[in-house]
């Protein structure tokens, strides 16, 4: 029975190792194993008798092979030699199944501050661990992938990682769609600005603050997107709570920036109303940008698309248009 189960497990592992982003791909099976009743001295002595692929984490199992605890190599050497593992190990340790996405594995390791993560089957029998070098590799891959996706490069994870190695024409094909949408958005922005031509003619100083306002909104929105793109998939908080918190954050940031720029506009342009308009626009635009940066990735996720795909370019377009609209409406109210 056990032989049959072992053979079945090996077959499943071979399948998961072919999965490009599954935990099973990074699994190391040759790791130290010990029983809860063994002493620290016994385990340390056994470590020198056998070569392992990785010894960062000693996995404590029942005689049947079920995982019951873990202890790091540094904690093992620091423990009293006559102490039993049952007294010094971490009970109910974090673990993953071999089919779990690699990003989830890295997240668990970071959350629990472990150098390695145990991998078990669905009967809780230990299969091995994902070691620290694999975790670093996963984090790097995910970081590169998210950076490429955030700016709209590539629509597949493999393509995102290999974007720098693609021929020029294929690079163009992966980047151009979102840039075309951005061009259409810039045309809409131009039409929006032209509709306030009369106000710009009467007070040209209004135009001086457009680049700064748009930049601040984009920067705040990008910060929110960076949090949302990966945070939404891992956070247990509901969307309403996340959006409310991010919107308040944006408003507070906008208020601080507005207070900083208010005396500058008032003193150097000798226009109190314009200073109020610019400051108020910053507050509102910052709050809107934060909300969009959080909601848009969630919306893309609900539509069945990875939240990192194109959320950066698309959010930038929306933020630019809304920031300009808010600014010119407020200027129309306070300056004229």
Protein backbone atom coordinates (compact mmCIF):
# COMPACT_ATOMS: atom_id res chain seq x y z
CA UNK A 1 0.00 0.00 0.00
CA UNK A 2 2.75 2.47 0.98
CA UNK A 3 4.78 1.50 -2.08
CA UNK A 4 1.79 2.19 -4.30
CA UNK A 5 1.22 5.56 -2.60
CA UNK A 6 4.91 6.48 -2.99
CA UNK A 7 4.84 5.61 -6.68
CA UNK A 8 1.67 7.67 -7.17
CA UNK A 9 3.28 10.62 -5.37
CA UNK A 10 6.37 10.43 -7.57
CA UNK A 11 4.23 10.44 -10.70
CA UNK A 12 2.32 13.50 -9.48
CA UNK A 13 5.56 15.29 -8.60
CA UNK A 14 6.97 14.67 -12.06
CA UNK A 15 3.84 16.31 -13.49
CA UNK A 16 4.06 19.32 -11.15
CA UNK A 17 7.76 19.78 -11.91
CA UNK A 18 6.78 20.33 -15.53
CA UNK A 19 4.44 23.08 -14.35
CA UNK A 20 6.42 26.28 -14.89
CA UNK A 21 5.05 28.19 -11.89
CA UNK A 22 4.12 25.42 -9.44
CA UNK A 23 5.83 24.79 -6.10
CA UNK A 24 6.63 21.23 -7.19
CA UNK A 25 9.02 22.58 -9.81
CA UNK A 26 11.32 23.91 -7.07
CA UNK A 27 10.88 21.03 -4.62
CA UNK A 28 13.99 19.49 -3.04
CA UNK A 29 13.22 15.98 -1.75
CA UNK A 30 16.56 15.22 -0.08
CA UNK A 31 16.16 17.17 3.18
CA UNK A 32 16.83 16.26 6.84
CA UNK A 33 13.96 14.47 8.55
CA UNK A 34 13.66 13.61 12.22
CA UNK A 35 11.16 12.28 14.74
CA UNK A 36 9.68 14.43 17.54
CA UNK A 37 11.16 12.08 20.16
CA UNK A 38 14.75 12.49 18.94
CA UNK A 39 17.10 14.77 20.83
CA UNK A 40 18.93 17.72 19.35
CA UNK A 41 22.27 15.94 19.81
CA UNK A 42 21.04 12.90 17.89
CA UNK A 43 19.77 14.98 14.99
CA UNK A 44 23.01 16.98 14.80
CA UNK A 45 25.01 13.75 14.75
CA UNK A 46 22.81 12.32 11.99
CA UNK A 47 23.30 15.42 9.84
CA UNK A 48 26.99 14.62 9.44
CA UNK A 49 26.32 11.03 8.36
CA UNK A 50 24.40 11.84 5.17
CA UNK A 51 24.59 14.35 2.33
CA UNK A 52 21.46 16.42 1.71
CA UNK A 53 20.51 18.77 -1.10
CA UNK A 54 19.48 21.35 1.46
CA UNK A 55 19.74 21.54 5.28
CA UNK A 56 18.20 24.97 5.96
CA UNK A 57 15.08 23.37 7.45
CA UNK A 58 14.86 20.15 9.46
CA UNK A 59 11.43 18.63 8.95
CA UNK A 60 9.97 16.79 11.92
CA UNK A 61 7.61 13.98 10.95
CA UNK A 62 5.69 11.14 12.51
CA UNK A 63 7.03 7.62 11.85
CA UNK A 64 4.47 7.44 9.02
CA UNK A 65 6.02 10.49 7.32
CA UNK A 66 3.37 13.09 8.16
CA UNK A 67 4.74 16.57 8.85
CA UNK A 68 4.25 17.77 12.44
CA UNK A 69 6.87 20.50 12.79
CA UNK A 70 10.00 22.21 11.50
CA UNK A 71 13.15 23.74 12.96
CA UNK A 72 15.81 25.76 11.19
CA UNK A 73 19.43 24.64 11.24
CA UNK A 74 20.45 27.72 13.26
CA UNK A 75 17.73 27.07 15.86
CA UNK A 76 18.80 23.43 16.07
CA UNK A 77 22.43 24.28 16.84
CA UNK A 78 21.33 26.89 19.40
CA UNK A 79 19.07 24.46 21.29
CA UNK A 80 20.15 22.39 24.30
CA UNK A 81 21.71 19.07 23.14
CA UNK A 82 19.47 16.97 25.41
CA UNK A 83 16.24 18.74 24.38
CA UNK A 84 13.72 16.78 22.35
CA UNK A 85 12.63 18.17 19.00
CA UNK A 86 9.03 18.12 20.17
CA UNK A 87 9.96 20.84 22.69
CA UNK A 88 11.96 23.12 20.38
CA UNK A 89 10.35 22.72 16.95
CA UNK A 90 7.74 25.00 15.37
CA UNK A 91 4.49 23.06 15.57
CA UNK A 92 1.82 23.40 12.86
CA UNK A 93 4.34 24.93 10.45
CA UNK A 94 3.35 26.62 7.18
CA UNK A 95 3.29 24.28 4.19
CA UNK A 96 2.20 24.18 0.57
CA UNK A 97 0.98 21.56 -1.86
CA UNK A 98 3.11 20.88 -4.96
CA UNK A 99 0.52 22.41 -7.30
CA UNK A 100 0.41 25.75 -5.43
CA UNK A 101 1.52 28.78 -7.44
CA UNK A 102 5.14 29.81 -6.87
CA UNK A 103 4.12 33.33 -5.86
CA UNK A 104 2.06 31.96 -2.99
CA UNK A 105 5.07 29.95 -1.80
CA UNK A 106 7.27 33.06 -1.67
CA UNK A 107 4.52 34.99 0.11
CA UNK A 108 4.22 32.31 2.82
CA UNK A 109 7.99 32.26 3.34
CA UNK A 110 8.13 36.05 3.71
CA UNK A 111 5.12 36.16 6.03
CA UNK A 112 6.52 33.52 8.39
CA UNK A 113 10.16 34.63 7.93
CA UNK A 114 11.29 31.14 6.98
CA UNK A 115 14.25 30.38 4.73
CA UNK A 116 12.44 27.38 3.27
CA UNK A 117 8.86 26.11 3.00
CA UNK A 118 7.74 22.52 3.50
CA UNK A 119 5.86 20.79 0.68
CA UNK A 120 3.33 18.06 1.53
CA UNK A 121 0.78 16.00 -0.35
CA UNK A 122 -2.94 16.18 0.37
CA UNK A 123 -2.57 13.49 3.06
CA UNK A 124 0.01 15.72 4.80
CA UNK A 125 2.93 13.40 4.01
CA UNK A 126 6.19 15.33 3.61
CA UNK A 127 7.52 15.54 0.05
CA UNK A 128 10.40 17.97 0.60
CA UNK A 129 11.02 21.71 0.81
CA UNK A 130 11.34 24.75 -1.41
CA UNK A 131 14.79 26.11 -0.37
CA UNK A 132 15.90 29.73 -0.01
CA UNK A 133 17.74 29.93 -3.35
CA UNK A 134 14.55 28.81 -5.10
CA UNK A 135 12.55 31.40 -3.14
CA UNK A 136 14.95 34.14 -4.25
CA UNK A 137 14.64 32.91 -7.83
CA UNK A 138 10.84 32.99 -7.57
CA UNK A 139 10.83 36.51 -6.12
CA UNK A 140 13.10 37.76 -8.89
CA UNK A 141 10.96 36.17 -11.63
CA UNK A 142 7.75 37.58 -10.16
CA UNK A 143 9.33 41.01 -9.73
CA UNK A 144 10.48 41.13 -13.37
CA UNK A 145 7.13 39.81 -14.57
CA UNK A 146 5.16 42.39 -12.59
CA UNK A 147 7.35 45.24 -13.80
CA UNK A 148 6.83 44.22 -17.42
CA UNK A 149 3.10 43.74 -17.00
CA UNK A 150 2.65 46.95 -15.03
CA UNK A 151 3.85 48.97 -18.01
CA UNK A 152 1.94 46.86 -20.52
CA UNK A 153 4.80 44.78 -21.95
CA UNK A 154 3.72 41.27 -22.83
CA UNK A 155 0.52 39.34 -22.23
CA UNK A 156 2.05 36.05 -21.09
CA UNK A 157 4.40 35.40 -18.21
CA UNK A 158 7.00 33.74 -20.44
CA UNK A 159 6.89 36.68 -22.84
CA UNK A 160 7.20 39.17 -20.00
CA UNK A 161 10.32 37.49 -18.71
CA UNK A 162 11.91 37.21 -22.13
CA UNK A 163 10.90 40.67 -23.36
CA UNK A 164 14.50 41.87 -23.63
CA UNK A 165 15.46 38.86 -25.76
CA UNK A 166 12.67 39.17 -28.33
CA UNK A 167 13.25 40.47 -31.88
CA UNK A 168 12.34 44.17 -32.35
CA UNK A 169 9.12 43.48 -34.28
CA UNK A 170 7.82 41.14 -31.58
CA UNK A 171 8.69 43.69 -28.91
CA UNK A 172 6.65 46.25 -30.85
CA UNK A 173 3.70 43.86 -31.05
CA UNK A 174 3.65 43.38 -27.28
CA UNK A 175 4.09 47.05 -26.38
CA UNK A 176 2.13 48.87 -29.06
CA UNK A 177 -1.51 48.03 -28.12
CA UNK A 178 -1.46 49.86 -24.80
CA UNK A 179 0.52 52.74 -26.29
CA UNK A 180 -2.12 53.19 -29.00
CA UNK A 181 -4.75 53.38 -26.27
CA UNK A 182 -2.51 55.92 -24.54
CA UNK A 183 -2.33 57.97 -27.75
CA UNK A 184 -6.13 58.01 -27.95
CA UNK A 185 -6.22 59.10 -24.32
CA UNK A 186 -3.80 61.96 -25.03
CA UNK A 187 -6.06 63.09 -27.88
CA UNK A 188 -8.99 63.18 -25.47
CA UNK A 189 -6.85 65.19 -23.03
CA UNK A 190 -6.00 67.66 -25.80
CA UNK A 191 -9.69 68.08 -26.63
CA UNK A 192 -10.45 68.58 -22.94
CA UNK A 193 -7.80 71.30 -22.58
CA UNK A 194 -8.97 73.01 -25.78
CA UNK A 195 -12.49 73.28 -24.35
CA UNK A 196 -11.04 75.60 -21.68
CA UNK A 197 -9.25 77.80 -24.21
CA UNK A 198 -11.07 80.93 -23.05
CA UNK A 199 -9.89 80.46 -19.46
CA UNK A 200 -6.31 79.83 -20.59
CA UNK A 201 -6.36 82.97 -22.72
CA UNK A 202 -7.54 85.11 -19.81
CA UNK A 203 -4.91 83.73 -17.39
CA UNK A 204 -2.01 81.84 -18.96
CA UNK A 205 -0.59 80.98 -15.51
CA UNK A 206 -3.26 78.28 -15.26
CA UNK A 207 -1.34 76.19 -17.80
CA UNK A 208 1.86 76.30 -15.75
CA UNK A 209 0.54 73.82 -13.20
CA UNK A 210 -0.92 71.23 -15.58
CA UNK A 211 2.29 69.12 -15.94
CA UNK A 212 2.90 69.03 -12.20
CA UNK A 213 -0.69 68.13 -11.36
CA UNK A 214 -0.79 65.33 -13.94
CA UNK A 215 2.57 63.99 -12.75
CA UNK A 216 1.54 63.92 -9.08
CA UNK A 217 -1.71 62.11 -9.90
CA UNK A 218 0.14 59.55 -12.04
CA UNK A 219 2.78 58.98 -9.35
CA UNK A 220 0.19 58.45 -6.61
CA UNK A 221 -1.85 56.19 -8.87
CA UNK A 222 1.21 54.12 -9.74
CA UNK A 223 1.98 53.64 -6.05
CA UNK A 224 -1.57 52.38 -5.48
CA UNK A 225 -1.33 50.05 -8.50
CA UNK A 226 1.92 48.58 -7.21
CA UNK A 227 0.14 47.74 -3.95
CA UNK A 228 -3.01 46.47 -5.66
CA UNK A 229 -1.48 44.38 -8.45
CA UNK A 230 0.02 41.85 -6.05
CA UNK A 231 -1.75 42.78 -2.83
CA UNK A 232 -5.29 42.05 -3.99
CA UNK A 233 -4.44 38.43 -4.79
CA UNK A 234 -2.98 37.87 -1.30
CA UNK A 235 -5.04 40.14 0.97
CA UNK A 236 -8.11 38.83 2.77
CA UNK A 237 -9.60 42.32 3.21
CA UNK A 238 -12.66 43.21 1.16
CA UNK A 239 -12.50 45.67 -1.71
CA UNK A 240 -14.56 48.36 0.02
CA UNK A 241 -12.14 48.44 2.95
CA UNK A 242 -9.09 48.58 0.65
CA UNK A 243 -10.55 51.33 -1.55
CA UNK A 244 -11.65 53.41 1.44
CA UNK A 245 -8.21 53.19 2.99
CA UNK A 246 -6.37 53.96 -0.25
CA UNK A 247 -8.70 56.88 -1.04
CA UNK A 248 -8.04 58.41 2.39
CA UNK A 249 -4.31 57.88 1.91
CA UNK A 250 -4.42 59.70 -1.41
CA UNK A 251 -6.43 62.55 0.10
CA UNK A 252 -3.97 62.97 2.98
CA UNK A 253 -1.02 62.97 0.56
CA UNK A 254 -2.82 65.49 -1.65
CA UNK A 255 -3.57 67.72 1.35
CA UNK A 256 0.08 67.75 2.41
CA UNK A 257 1.25 68.53 -1.13
CA UNK A 258 -1.46 71.17 -1.45
CA UNK A 259 -0.30 72.90 1.73
CA UNK A 260 3.28 72.86 0.46
CA UNK A 261 2.45 74.39 -2.93
CA UNK A 262 -0.11 76.93 -1.68
CA UNK A 263 2.38 79.57 -0.42
CA UNK A 264 4.54 79.11 -3.54
CA UNK A 265 1.66 79.90 -5.93
CA UNK A 266 0.35 82.74 -3.78
CA UNK A 267 3.74 84.45 -3.36
CA UNK A 268 5.29 83.97 -6.81
CA UNK A 269 2.11 84.44 -8.87
CA UNK A 270 0.38 86.91 -6.54
CA UNK A 271 -2.91 85.10 -7.02
CA UNK A 272 -4.67 83.82 -3.90
CA UNK A 273 -7.56 82.23 -5.81
CA UNK A 274 -5.22 80.35 -8.14
CA UNK A 275 -3.30 79.04 -5.11
CA UNK A 276 -6.56 77.72 -3.62
CA UNK A 277 -7.55 76.14 -6.96
CA UNK A 278 -4.20 74.37 -7.41
CA UNK A 279 -4.14 73.09 -3.82
CA UNK A 280 -7.73 71.87 -3.91
CA UNK A 281 -7.15 70.20 -7.28
CA UNK A 282 -4.17 68.33 -5.85
CA UNK A 283 -6.26 66.99 -2.97
CA UNK A 284 -9.11 65.77 -5.18
CA UNK A 285 -6.89 64.45 -7.99
CA UNK A 286 -4.73 62.54 -5.50
CA UNK A 287 -7.76 60.88 -3.93
CA UNK A 288 -9.18 59.94 -7.34
CA UNK A 289 -5.83 58.59 -8.56
CA UNK A 290 -5.46 56.38 -5.47
CA UNK A 291 -8.96 55.00 -5.91
CA UNK A 292 -8.43 54.25 -9.61
CA UNK A 293 -5.08 52.64 -8.86
CA UNK A 294 -6.81 50.25 -6.46
CA UNK A 295 -10.10 49.61 -8.29
CA UNK A 296 -8.76 49.09 -11.82
CA UNK A 297 -6.57 46.03 -11.03
CA UNK A 298 -9.52 44.54 -9.12
CA UNK A 299 -11.81 45.14 -12.10
CA UNK A 300 -9.34 43.51 -14.50
CA UNK A 301 -9.11 40.57 -12.12
CA UNK A 302 -12.92 40.21 -12.07
CA UNK A 303 -12.91 40.22 -15.87
CA UNK A 304 -10.60 37.21 -15.83
CA UNK A 305 -7.39 39.10 -16.63
CA UNK A 306 -4.25 39.23 -14.52
CA UNK A 307 -4.53 42.57 -12.63
CA UNK A 308 -1.01 43.48 -13.72
CA UNK A 309 -1.87 43.37 -17.42
CA UNK A 310 -2.08 46.91 -18.69
CA UNK A 311 -3.36 48.38 -15.43
CA UNK A 312 -0.47 50.87 -15.48
CA UNK A 313 -1.03 52.39 -18.94
CA UNK A 314 -4.82 52.25 -18.67
CA UNK A 315 -4.87 53.83 -15.22
CA UNK A 316 -2.51 56.57 -16.40
CA UNK A 317 -4.91 57.55 -19.18
CA UNK A 318 -7.92 57.69 -16.86
CA UNK A 319 -6.00 59.58 -14.17
CA UNK A 320 -4.69 62.16 -16.66
CA UNK A 321 -8.13 62.92 -18.07
CA UNK A 322 -9.84 63.12 -14.67
CA UNK A 323 -7.03 65.22 -13.18
CA UNK A 324 -7.28 67.75 -16.00
CA UNK A 325 -11.07 67.82 -15.76
CA UNK A 326 -10.97 68.40 -11.99
CA UNK A 327 -8.30 71.09 -12.30
CA UNK A 328 -10.04 73.14 -14.99
CA UNK A 329 -13.44 72.88 -13.31
CA UNK A 330 -12.02 74.10 -10.00
CA UNK A 331 -10.05 76.86 -11.74
CA UNK A 332 -13.25 77.98 -13.47
CA UNK A 333 -14.99 78.18 -10.10
CA UNK A 334 -12.29 79.97 -8.07
CA UNK A 335 -10.25 82.04 -10.52
CA UNK A 336 -12.98 83.45 -12.76
